[in-house]
């Protein structure tokens, strides 16, 4: 998914919005690093598509607020074997 960074940033944002995905999930889907996802969404996207940026930012803020819950569930699965 190299190439046009603007197109990649838009596709990342659309994926995150449609799937309520985390940065980690988006990075895995597009086969890029988490830091690239962050850079695309926080620096590149607002420069050319502010509305898409604001929608993606809202999803990422929700994910950030819930990450401690997801982390706890992952730890529980790890030690309970479920």
N, C-alpha and C. Protein backbone atom coordinates (compact mmCIF):
# COMPACT_ATOMS: atom_id res chain seq x y z
N UNK A 1 0.84 -1.20 0.00
CA UNK A 1 0.00 0.00 0.00
C UNK A 1 0.87 1.24 0.00
N UNK A 2 1.99 1.16 -0.64
CA UNK A 2 2.86 2.32 -0.78
C UNK A 2 2.30 3.18 -1.90
N UNK A 3 2.93 4.30 -2.14
CA UNK A 3 2.47 5.13 -3.25
C UNK A 3 1.84 6.42 -2.78
N UNK A 4 0.68 6.71 -3.29
CA UNK A 4 0.00 7.95 -3.01
C UNK A 4 -0.44 8.01 -1.53
N UNK A 5 0.22 8.87 -0.77
CA UNK A 5 -0.03 8.95 0.67
C UNK A 5 -1.41 9.52 0.98
N UNK A 6 -1.88 10.44 0.16
CA UNK A 6 -3.20 11.02 0.38
C UNK A 6 -4.30 9.96 0.22
N UNK A 7 -4.16 9.16 -0.83
CA UNK A 7 -5.14 8.09 -1.07
C UNK A 7 -5.10 7.07 0.06
N UNK A 8 -3.88 6.71 0.50
CA UNK A 8 -3.74 5.76 1.60
C UNK A 8 -4.37 6.30 2.88
N UNK A 9 -4.17 7.58 3.16
CA UNK A 9 -4.74 8.19 4.36
C UNK A 9 -6.27 8.15 4.31
N UNK A 10 -6.83 8.43 3.14
CA UNK A 10 -8.29 8.38 2.99
C UNK A 10 -8.81 6.96 3.17
N UNK A 11 -8.14 5.99 2.56
CA UNK A 11 -8.58 4.60 2.68
C UNK A 11 -8.47 4.11 4.13
N UNK A 12 -7.41 4.52 4.81
CA UNK A 12 -7.26 4.16 6.23
C UNK A 12 -8.40 4.72 7.05
N UNK A 13 -8.69 6.00 6.85
CA UNK A 13 -9.76 6.65 7.60
C UNK A 13 -11.10 5.99 7.33
N UNK A 14 -11.38 5.69 6.08
CA UNK A 14 -12.65 5.04 5.73
C UNK A 14 -12.74 3.66 6.38
N UNK A 15 -11.65 2.92 6.38
CA UNK A 15 -11.64 1.60 7.00
C UNK A 15 -11.92 1.71 8.50
N UNK A 16 -11.26 2.64 9.14
CA UNK A 16 -11.44 2.82 10.59
C UNK A 16 -12.87 3.23 10.91
N UNK A 17 -13.43 4.12 10.13
CA UNK A 17 -14.80 4.59 10.37
C UNK A 17 -15.81 3.47 10.14
N UNK A 18 -15.68 2.76 9.03
CA UNK A 18 -16.66 1.72 8.68
C UNK A 18 -16.61 0.53 9.63
N UNK A 19 -15.42 0.18 10.10
CA UNK A 19 -15.26 -1.02 10.93
C UNK A 19 -15.05 -0.72 12.40
N UNK A 20 -15.07 0.56 12.75
CA UNK A 20 -14.80 0.98 14.14
C UNK A 20 -13.48 0.35 14.59
N UNK A 21 -12.51 0.31 13.69
CA UNK A 21 -11.26 -0.41 13.90
C UNK A 21 -10.27 0.40 14.73
N UNK A 22 -9.35 -0.32 15.35
CA UNK A 22 -8.26 0.30 16.08
C UNK A 22 -7.12 0.61 15.11
N UNK A 23 -6.16 1.39 15.58
CA UNK A 23 -4.98 1.69 14.77
C UNK A 23 -4.23 0.40 14.47
N UNK A 24 -4.13 -0.46 15.46
CA UNK A 24 -3.42 -1.73 15.28
C UNK A 24 -4.10 -2.59 14.22
N UNK A 25 -5.43 -2.65 14.24
CA UNK A 25 -6.17 -3.45 13.25
C UNK A 25 -6.01 -2.86 11.85
N UNK A 26 -6.04 -1.55 11.75
CA UNK A 26 -5.86 -0.89 10.44
C UNK A 26 -4.45 -1.15 9.90
N UNK A 27 -3.47 -1.07 10.77
CA UNK A 27 -2.09 -1.32 10.35
C UNK A 27 -1.93 -2.74 9.84
N UNK A 28 -2.54 -3.69 10.54
CA UNK A 28 -2.47 -5.09 10.12
C UNK A 28 -3.16 -5.28 8.78
N UNK A 29 -4.34 -4.67 8.60
CA UNK A 29 -5.12 -4.81 7.36
C UNK A 29 -4.36 -4.27 6.15
N UNK A 30 -3.71 -3.10 6.31
CA UNK A 30 -3.04 -2.45 5.20
C UNK A 30 -1.55 -2.80 5.11
N UNK A 31 -1.11 -3.67 6.03
CA UNK A 31 0.28 -4.12 6.04
C UNK A 31 1.28 -2.97 6.14
N UNK A 32 1.00 -2.05 7.06
CA UNK A 32 1.90 -0.93 7.35
C UNK A 32 2.05 -0.85 8.86
N UNK A 33 2.96 0.00 9.31
CA UNK A 33 3.20 0.11 10.75
C UNK A 33 2.16 1.00 11.42
N UNK A 34 2.04 0.83 12.73
CA UNK A 34 1.11 1.66 13.49
C UNK A 34 1.52 3.14 13.42
N UNK A 35 2.81 3.40 13.42
CA UNK A 35 3.27 4.79 13.35
C UNK A 35 2.90 5.43 12.01
N UNK A 36 2.88 4.64 10.95
CA UNK A 36 2.46 5.16 9.64
C UNK A 36 0.97 5.50 9.67
N UNK A 37 0.18 4.64 10.30
CA UNK A 37 -1.25 4.91 10.42
C UNK A 37 -1.46 6.22 11.19
N UNK A 38 -0.75 6.36 12.31
CA UNK A 38 -0.88 7.58 13.11
C UNK A 38 -0.48 8.81 12.31
N UNK A 39 0.63 8.72 11.61
CA UNK A 39 1.11 9.87 10.83
C UNK A 39 0.13 10.23 9.72
N UNK A 40 -0.38 9.22 9.03
CA UNK A 40 -1.35 9.47 7.96
C UNK A 40 -2.60 10.15 8.50
N UNK A 41 -3.10 9.65 9.62
CA UNK A 41 -4.36 10.17 10.14
C UNK A 41 -4.22 11.49 10.88
N UNK A 42 -3.11 11.70 11.56
CA UNK A 42 -2.98 12.91 12.36
C UNK A 42 -2.33 14.08 11.64
N UNK A 43 -1.48 13.80 10.66
CA UNK A 43 -0.77 14.87 9.97
C UNK A 43 -1.20 15.06 8.53
N UNK A 44 -1.30 13.98 7.79
CA UNK A 44 -1.59 14.10 6.36
C UNK A 44 -3.07 14.33 6.07
N UNK A 45 -3.94 13.57 6.70
CA UNK A 45 -5.37 13.63 6.40
C UNK A 45 -5.99 15.00 6.69
N UNK A 46 -5.70 15.65 7.82
CA UNK A 46 -6.34 16.96 8.08
C UNK A 46 -5.99 18.02 7.04
N UNK A 47 -4.86 17.85 6.36
CA UNK A 47 -4.42 18.85 5.39
C UNK A 47 -5.31 18.88 4.15
N UNK A 48 -5.92 17.75 3.80
CA UNK A 48 -6.70 17.74 2.56
C UNK A 48 -8.12 17.22 2.69
N UNK A 49 -8.49 16.63 3.84
CA UNK A 49 -9.86 16.15 4.01
C UNK A 49 -10.24 16.26 5.49
N UNK A 50 -10.60 17.44 5.89
CA UNK A 50 -10.87 17.73 7.30
C UNK A 50 -12.07 16.95 7.84
N UNK A 51 -13.12 16.81 7.05
CA UNK A 51 -14.32 16.12 7.55
C UNK A 51 -14.05 14.64 7.80
N UNK A 52 -13.32 14.00 6.89
CA UNK A 52 -12.98 12.60 7.07
C UNK A 52 -12.07 12.44 8.29
N UNK A 53 -11.15 13.37 8.46
CA UNK A 53 -10.26 13.36 9.62
C UNK A 53 -11.06 13.43 10.93
N UNK A 54 -12.03 14.31 10.99
CA UNK A 54 -12.82 14.47 12.22
C UNK A 54 -13.64 13.21 12.53
N UNK A 55 -14.15 12.55 11.50
CA UNK A 55 -14.90 11.31 11.72
C UNK A 55 -13.98 10.21 12.24
N UNK A 56 -12.81 10.09 11.62
CA UNK A 56 -11.85 9.06 12.05
C UNK A 56 -11.35 9.36 13.45
N UNK A 57 -11.13 10.62 13.74
CA UNK A 57 -10.64 11.02 15.06
C UNK A 57 -11.65 10.63 16.14
N UNK A 58 -12.92 10.78 15.85
CA UNK A 58 -13.96 10.43 16.81
C UNK A 58 -13.91 8.93 17.13
N UNK A 59 -13.75 8.10 16.12
CA UNK A 59 -13.65 6.65 16.34
C UNK A 59 -12.39 6.33 17.16
N UNK A 60 -11.27 6.97 16.82
CA UNK A 60 -10.03 6.70 17.54
C UNK A 60 -10.11 7.15 18.99
N UNK A 61 -10.81 8.24 19.25
CA UNK A 61 -10.98 8.70 20.64
C UNK A 61 -11.82 7.69 21.43
N UNK A 62 -12.85 7.13 20.81
CA UNK A 62 -13.65 6.10 21.47
C UNK A 62 -12.79 4.87 21.77
N UNK A 63 -11.97 4.47 20.80
CA UNK A 63 -11.09 3.33 21.01
C UNK A 63 -10.10 3.60 22.13
N UNK A 64 -9.60 4.81 22.18
CA UNK A 64 -8.64 5.17 23.22
C UNK A 64 -9.29 5.11 24.60
N UNK A 65 -10.54 5.54 24.69
CA UNK A 65 -11.25 5.51 25.96
C UNK A 65 -11.56 4.08 26.41
N UNK A 66 -11.64 3.15 25.47
CA UNK A 66 -12.00 1.77 25.80
C UNK A 66 -10.80 0.83 25.84
N UNK A 67 -9.61 1.32 25.59
CA UNK A 67 -8.47 0.41 25.45
C UNK A 67 -8.13 -0.32 26.74
N UNK A 68 -8.36 0.29 27.89
CA UNK A 68 -8.06 -0.40 29.14
C UNK A 68 -8.99 -1.61 29.33
N UNK A 69 -10.19 -1.52 28.81
CA UNK A 69 -11.13 -2.64 28.90
C UNK A 69 -10.68 -3.77 27.98
N UNK A 70 -10.33 -3.42 26.74
CA UNK A 70 -9.85 -4.44 25.80
C UNK A 70 -8.59 -5.11 26.31
N UNK A 71 -7.70 -4.33 26.92
CA UNK A 71 -6.47 -4.90 27.48
C UNK A 71 -6.75 -5.87 28.61
N UNK A 72 -7.70 -5.52 29.46
CA UNK A 72 -8.07 -6.41 30.56
C UNK A 72 -8.68 -7.70 30.05
N UNK A 73 -9.52 -7.60 29.03
CA UNK A 73 -10.13 -8.81 28.46
C UNK A 73 -9.08 -9.70 27.81
N UNK A 74 -8.11 -9.09 27.15
CA UNK A 74 -7.04 -9.86 26.51
C UNK A 74 -6.20 -10.58 27.56
N UNK A 75 -5.92 -9.92 28.66
CA UNK A 75 -5.16 -10.55 29.74
C UNK A 75 -5.95 -11.69 30.35
N UNK A 76 -7.25 -11.48 30.51
CA UNK A 76 -8.10 -12.53 31.06
C UNK A 76 -8.09 -13.76 30.16
N UNK A 77 -8.24 -13.53 28.83
CA UNK A 77 -8.20 -14.65 27.88
C UNK A 77 -6.87 -15.38 27.94
N UNK A 78 -5.80 -14.61 28.08
CA UNK A 78 -4.47 -15.19 28.10
C UNK A 78 -4.30 -16.16 29.26
N UNK A 79 -4.77 -15.78 30.44
CA UNK A 79 -4.55 -16.60 31.61
C UNK A 79 -5.67 -17.60 31.90
N UNK A 80 -6.85 -17.36 31.36
CA UNK A 80 -7.95 -18.31 31.54
C UNK A 80 -7.97 -19.34 30.41
N UNK A 81 -7.31 -19.03 29.33
CA UNK A 81 -7.28 -19.95 28.20
C UNK A 81 -8.57 -19.98 27.40
N UNK A 82 -9.36 -18.92 27.53
CA UNK A 82 -10.65 -18.90 26.84
C UNK A 82 -10.61 -18.01 25.64
